[in-house]
């Protein structure tokens, strides 16, 4: 018997600045810093020139750390056999969480009108996931996963002998 896939989603942090835009931004910052540094150098305040270079380096390192953090993702899969969430952190370390789909339920905790949290609850455990999504995206993901769980349960009930 084949193990059907009912739901498969990859959740990752959004980064609005692509590699080309990052290069353009860093070039613009370096150019402005260099021009400003030369101006201070001509005025005799030569130590300021080095601080402008340090600013560019710190901005570059901050962006690199941000891009490294964007390597993290979660993969949510619902099959006939199980519901798994595979969480990969920014260093590439993988952790897999498994739930029995017949008992799993999706919980939505609304903190206020602009914030919520979604979790899978089963057998006394509660696992929060998709924290990197916006509140509206979390609600959409929860609705899709709930629909897939219901379809799987219905199908498994009707397919049972």
C-alpha atoms as a PDB file:
ATOM      1  CA  UNK A   1       0.000   0.000   0.000  1.00  0.00           C
ATOM      2  CA  UNK A   2       1.345   3.409  -0.962  1.00  0.00           C
ATOM      3  CA  UNK A   3       1.817   6.109   1.636  1.00  0.00           C
ATOM      4  CA  UNK A   4      -0.134   9.074   0.224  1.00  0.00           C
ATOM      5  CA  UNK A   5       1.000  12.607   0.865  1.00  0.00           C
ATOM      6  CA  UNK A   6      -1.878  14.814   2.025  1.00  0.00           C
ATOM      7  CA  UNK A   7       0.003  18.009   2.845  1.00  0.00           C
ATOM      8  CA  UNK A   8       3.526  19.241   2.172  1.00  0.00           C
ATOM      9  CA  UNK A   9       4.681  22.779   2.954  1.00  0.00           C
ATOM     10  CA  UNK A  10       8.023  24.457   3.516  1.00  0.00           C
ATOM     11  CA  UNK A  11       8.037  27.470   5.823  1.00  0.00           C
ATOM     12  CA  UNK A  12      11.018  29.804   5.708  1.00  0.00           C
ATOM     13  CA  UNK A  13      11.751  33.355   6.852  1.00  0.00           C
ATOM     14  CA  UNK A  14      11.112  36.046   4.269  1.00  0.00           C
ATOM     15  CA  UNK A  15      14.058  38.118   3.058  1.00  0.00           C
ATOM     16  CA  UNK A  16      13.126  41.049   0.844  1.00  0.00           C
ATOM     17  CA  UNK A  17      16.671  41.951  -0.201  1.00  0.00           C
ATOM     18  CA  UNK A  18      18.055  39.615  -2.846  1.00  0.00           C
ATOM     19  CA  UNK A  19      21.764  39.066  -3.596  1.00  0.00           C
ATOM     20  CA  UNK A  20      21.927  41.644  -6.417  1.00  0.00           C
ATOM     21  CA  UNK A  21      20.135  44.282  -4.354  1.00  0.00           C
ATOM     22  CA  UNK A  22      22.454  43.512  -1.415  1.00  0.00           C
ATOM     23  CA  UNK A  23      25.502  44.106  -3.633  1.00  0.00           C
ATOM     24  CA  UNK A  24      24.033  47.371  -4.946  1.00  0.00           C
ATOM     25  CA  UNK A  25      23.180  48.559  -1.431  1.00  0.00           C
ATOM     26  CA  UNK A  26      26.647  47.734  -0.103  1.00  0.00           C
ATOM     27  CA  UNK A  27      28.285  49.534  -3.026  1.00  0.00           C
ATOM     28  CA  UNK A  28      26.132  52.612  -2.374  1.00  0.00           C
ATOM     29  CA  UNK A  29      26.950  52.571   1.353  1.00  0.00           C
ATOM     30  CA  UNK A  30      30.672  52.101   0.623  1.00  0.00           C
ATOM     31  CA  UNK A  31      30.634  54.949  -1.901  1.00  0.00           C
ATOM     32  CA  UNK A  32      28.882  57.372   0.464  1.00  0.00           C
ATOM     33  CA  UNK A  33      31.163  56.356   3.346  1.00  0.00           C
ATOM     34  CA  UNK A  34      34.283  56.713   1.208  1.00  0.00           C
ATOM     35  CA  UNK A  35      33.230  60.164  -0.066  1.00  0.00           C
ATOM     36  CA  UNK A  36      32.391  61.316   3.455  1.00  0.00           C
ATOM     37  CA  UNK A  37      35.645  59.868   4.777  1.00  0.00           C
ATOM     38  CA  UNK A  38      37.679  61.695   2.095  1.00  0.00           C
ATOM     39  CA  UNK A  39      35.941  64.950   3.052  1.00  0.00           C
ATOM     40  CA  UNK A  40      36.932  64.485   6.708  1.00  0.00           C
ATOM     41  CA  UNK A  41      40.421  63.430   5.634  1.00  0.00           C
ATOM     42  CA  UNK A  42      40.846  66.714   3.706  1.00  0.00           C
ATOM     43  CA  UNK A  43      39.664  68.643   6.767  1.00  0.00           C
ATOM     44  CA  UNK A  44      42.414  67.018   8.798  1.00  0.00           C
ATOM     45  CA  UNK A  45      40.225  64.651  10.797  1.00  0.00           C
ATOM     46  CA  UNK A  46      41.982  61.557   9.448  1.00  0.00           C
ATOM     47  CA  UNK A  47      40.779  59.115  12.175  1.00  0.00           C
ATOM     48  CA  UNK A  48      37.171  59.610  11.015  1.00  0.00           C
ATOM     49  CA  UNK A  49      38.093  58.043   7.653  1.00  0.00           C
ATOM     50  CA  UNK A  50      38.785  54.711   9.367  1.00  0.00           C
ATOM     51  CA  UNK A  51      35.511  54.816  11.275  1.00  0.00           C
ATOM     52  CA  UNK A  52      33.591  55.160   8.011  1.00  0.00           C
ATOM     53  CA  UNK A  53      35.304  51.978   6.791  1.00  0.00           C
ATOM     54  CA  UNK A  54      34.457  50.264  10.064  1.00  0.00           C
ATOM     55  CA  UNK A  55      30.791  51.244   9.607  1.00  0.00           C
ATOM     56  CA  UNK A  56      30.712  49.613   6.172  1.00  0.00           C
ATOM     57  CA  UNK A  57      32.287  46.435   7.544  1.00  0.00           C
ATOM     58  CA  UNK A  58      29.810  46.252  10.437  1.00  0.00           C
ATOM     59  CA  UNK A  59      26.834  46.722   8.105  1.00  0.00           C
ATOM     60  CA  UNK A  60      28.194  43.980   5.826  1.00  0.00           C
ATOM     61  CA  UNK A  61      28.621  41.562   8.770  1.00  0.00           C
ATOM     62  CA  UNK A  62      25.096  42.336  10.039  1.00  0.00           C
ATOM     63  CA  UNK A  63      23.602  41.533   6.640  1.00  0.00           C
ATOM     64  CA  UNK A  64      25.636  38.325   6.355  1.00  0.00           C
ATOM     65  CA  UNK A  65      24.372  37.192   9.770  1.00  0.00           C
ATOM     66  CA  UNK A  66      20.826  37.961   8.655  1.00  0.00           C
ATOM     67  CA  UNK A  67      21.250  35.905   5.464  1.00  0.00           C
ATOM     68  CA  UNK A  68      22.754  33.033   7.452  1.00  0.00           C
ATOM     69  CA  UNK A  69      19.690  33.031   9.729  1.00  0.00           C
ATOM     70  CA  UNK A  70      17.492  32.838   6.612  1.00  0.00           C
ATOM     71  CA  UNK A  71      18.801  29.322   5.924  1.00  0.00           C
ATOM     72  CA  UNK A  72      16.470  28.030   8.623  1.00  0.00           C
ATOM     73  CA  UNK A  73      13.200  26.411   7.552  1.00  0.00           C
ATOM     74  CA  UNK A  74      10.458  24.031   8.627  1.00  0.00           C
ATOM     75  CA  UNK A  75       8.892  21.341   6.465  1.00  0.00           C
ATOM     76  CA  UNK A  76       5.422  20.142   7.400  1.00  0.00           C
ATOM     77  CA  UNK A  77       4.316  16.828   5.854  1.00  0.00           C
ATOM     78  CA  UNK A  78       1.126  14.874   6.389  1.00  0.00           C
ATOM     79  CA  UNK A  79       0.969  11.360   4.996  1.00  0.00           C
ATOM     80  CA  UNK A  80      -1.175   8.303   5.635  1.00  0.00           C
ATOM     81  CA  UNK A  81       1.262   7.174   8.335  1.00  0.00           C
ATOM     82  CA  UNK A  82       2.303  10.328  10.172  1.00  0.00           C
ATOM     83  CA  UNK A  83       2.438  14.086  10.522  1.00  0.00           C
ATOM     84  CA  UNK A  84       6.033  15.298  10.684  1.00  0.00           C
ATOM     85  CA  UNK A  85       7.653  18.648  11.120  1.00  0.00           C
ATOM     86  CA  UNK A  86      11.293  18.803  10.193  1.00  0.00           C
ATOM     87  CA  UNK A  87      12.982  21.880  11.598  1.00  0.00           C
ATOM     88  CA  UNK A  88      16.366  22.900  10.168  1.00  0.00           C
ATOM     89  CA  UNK A  89      18.192  25.695  11.974  1.00  0.00           C
ATOM     90  CA  UNK A  90      20.577  28.243  10.436  1.00  0.00           C
ATOM     91  CA  UNK A  91      23.525  25.897  11.007  1.00  0.00           C
ATOM     92  CA  UNK A  92      21.847  23.039   9.142  1.00  0.00           C
ATOM     93  CA  UNK A  93      21.036  20.973  12.235  1.00  0.00           C
ATOM     94  CA  UNK A  94      17.867  18.954  11.575  1.00  0.00           C
ATOM     95  CA  UNK A  95      15.275  17.920  14.115  1.00  0.00           C
ATOM     96  CA  UNK A  96      12.217  15.867  13.262  1.00  0.00           C
ATOM     97  CA  UNK A  97       9.003  15.863  15.263  1.00  0.00           C
ATOM     98  CA  UNK A  98       6.451  13.148  14.583  1.00  0.00           C
ATOM     99  CA  UNK A  99       2.755  13.083  15.455  1.00  0.00           C
ATOM    100  CA  UNK A 100       0.042  10.497  14.954  1.00  0.00           C
ATOM    101  CA  UNK A 101      -2.340  12.245  12.515  1.00  0.00           C
ATOM    102  CA  UNK A 102      -5.438  10.542  13.901  1.00  0.00           C
ATOM    103  CA  UNK A 103      -4.895  12.270  17.238  1.00  0.00           C
ATOM    104  CA  UNK A 104      -3.221  15.500  16.153  1.00  0.00           C
ATOM    105  CA  UNK A 105      -5.171  18.723  16.222  1.00  0.00           C
ATOM    106  CA  UNK A 106      -4.205  22.210  15.136  1.00  0.00           C
ATOM    107  CA  UNK A 107      -4.536  24.874  17.824  1.00  0.00           C
ATOM    108  CA  UNK A 108      -4.566  28.605  17.176  1.00  0.00           C
ATOM    109  CA  UNK A 109      -3.829  30.882  20.097  1.00  0.00           C
ATOM    110  CA  UNK A 110      -4.807  34.482  19.384  1.00  0.00           C
ATOM    111  CA  UNK A 111      -2.784  36.813  21.597  1.00  0.00           C
ATOM    112  CA  UNK A 112      -4.264  40.040  20.256  1.00  0.00           C
ATOM    113  CA  UNK A 113      -5.753  41.149  16.947  1.00  0.00           C
ATOM    114  CA  UNK A 114      -2.349  41.316  15.241  1.00  0.00           C
ATOM    115  CA  UNK A 115      -0.601  38.314  16.785  1.00  0.00           C
ATOM    116  CA  UNK A 116      -1.262  34.594  16.971  1.00  0.00           C
ATOM    117  CA  UNK A 117       0.490  31.283  17.396  1.00  0.00           C
ATOM    118  CA  UNK A 118      -0.235  27.925  15.786  1.00  0.00           C
ATOM    119  CA  UNK A 119       0.611  24.590  17.333  1.00  0.00           C
ATOM    120  CA  UNK A 120       0.045  20.887  16.900  1.00  0.00           C
ATOM    121  CA  UNK A 121      -1.372  19.233  20.015  1.00  0.00           C
ATOM    122  CA  UNK A 122      -1.404  15.494  20.577  1.00  0.00           C
ATOM    123  CA  UNK A 123      -1.135  13.189  23.593  1.00  0.00           C
ATOM    124  CA  UNK A 124      -0.442  16.002  26.045  1.00  0.00           C
ATOM    125  CA  UNK A 125       2.272  17.555  23.886  1.00  0.00           C
ATOM    126  CA  UNK A 126       2.027  20.935  22.199  1.00  0.00           C
ATOM    127  CA  UNK A 127       4.431  21.908  19.431  1.00  0.00           C
ATOM    128  CA  UNK A 128       4.530  25.516  18.173  1.00  0.00           C
ATOM    129  CA  UNK A 129       5.605  25.966  14.566  1.00  0.00           C
ATOM    130  CA  UNK A 130       5.692  28.483  11.687  1.00  0.00           C
ATOM    131  CA  UNK A 131       6.718  31.338  13.979  1.00  0.00           C
ATOM    132  CA  UNK A 132       8.550  33.074  11.124  1.00  0.00           C
ATOM    133  CA  UNK A 133       5.309  33.660   9.196  1.00  0.00           C
ATOM    134  CA  UNK A 134       3.062  36.678   9.523  1.00  0.00           C
ATOM    135  CA  UNK A 135      -0.127  36.199  11.583  1.00  0.00           C
ATOM    136  CA  UNK A 136      -2.283  36.019   8.432  1.00  0.00           C
ATOM    137  CA  UNK A 137       0.069  33.472   6.834  1.00  0.00           C
ATOM    138  CA  UNK A 138      -0.028  31.360  10.002  1.00  0.00           C
ATOM    139  CA  UNK A 139      -3.838  31.313   9.870  1.00  0.00           C
ATOM    140  CA  UNK A 140      -3.750  30.249   6.198  1.00  0.00           C
ATOM    141  CA  UNK A 141      -1.262  27.478   6.963  1.00  0.00           C
ATOM    142  CA  UNK A 142      -3.345  26.275   9.919  1.00  0.00           C
ATOM    143  CA  UNK A 143      -6.514  26.229   7.781  1.00  0.00           C
ATOM    144  CA  UNK A 144      -4.779  24.255   5.039  1.00  0.00           C
ATOM    145  CA  UNK A 145      -3.335  21.741   7.496  1.00  0.00           C
ATOM    146  CA  UNK A 146      -6.695  21.351   9.263  1.00  0.00           C
ATOM    147  CA  UNK A 147      -8.379  20.693   5.912  1.00  0.00           C
ATOM    148  CA  UNK A 148      -5.741  18.107   4.993  1.00  0.00           C
ATOM    149  CA  UNK A 149      -6.060  16.382   8.391  1.00  0.00           C
ATOM    150  CA  UNK A 150      -9.850  16.227   8.002  1.00  0.00           C
ATOM    151  CA  UNK A 151      -9.578  14.844   4.455  1.00  0.00           C
ATOM    152  CA  UNK A 152      -7.075  12.217   5.611  1.00  0.00           C
ATOM    153  CA  UNK A 153      -9.263  11.186   8.548  1.00  0.00           C
ATOM    154  CA  UNK A 154     -12.342  10.925   6.324  1.00  0.00           C
ATOM    155  CA  UNK A 155     -10.475   8.904   3.735  1.00  0.00           C
ATOM    156  CA  UNK A 156      -8.872   6.600   6.283  1.00  0.00           C
ATOM    157  CA  UNK A 157     -12.254   5.992   7.964  1.00  0.00           C
ATOM    158  CA  UNK A 158     -14.035   5.167   4.719  1.00  0.00           C
ATOM    159  CA  UNK A 159     -11.125   3.041   3.448  1.00  0.00           C
ATOM    160  CA  UNK A 160     -10.963   0.906   6.596  1.00  0.00           C
ATOM    161  CA  UNK A 161     -12.487  -2.605   6.283  1.00  0.00           C
END
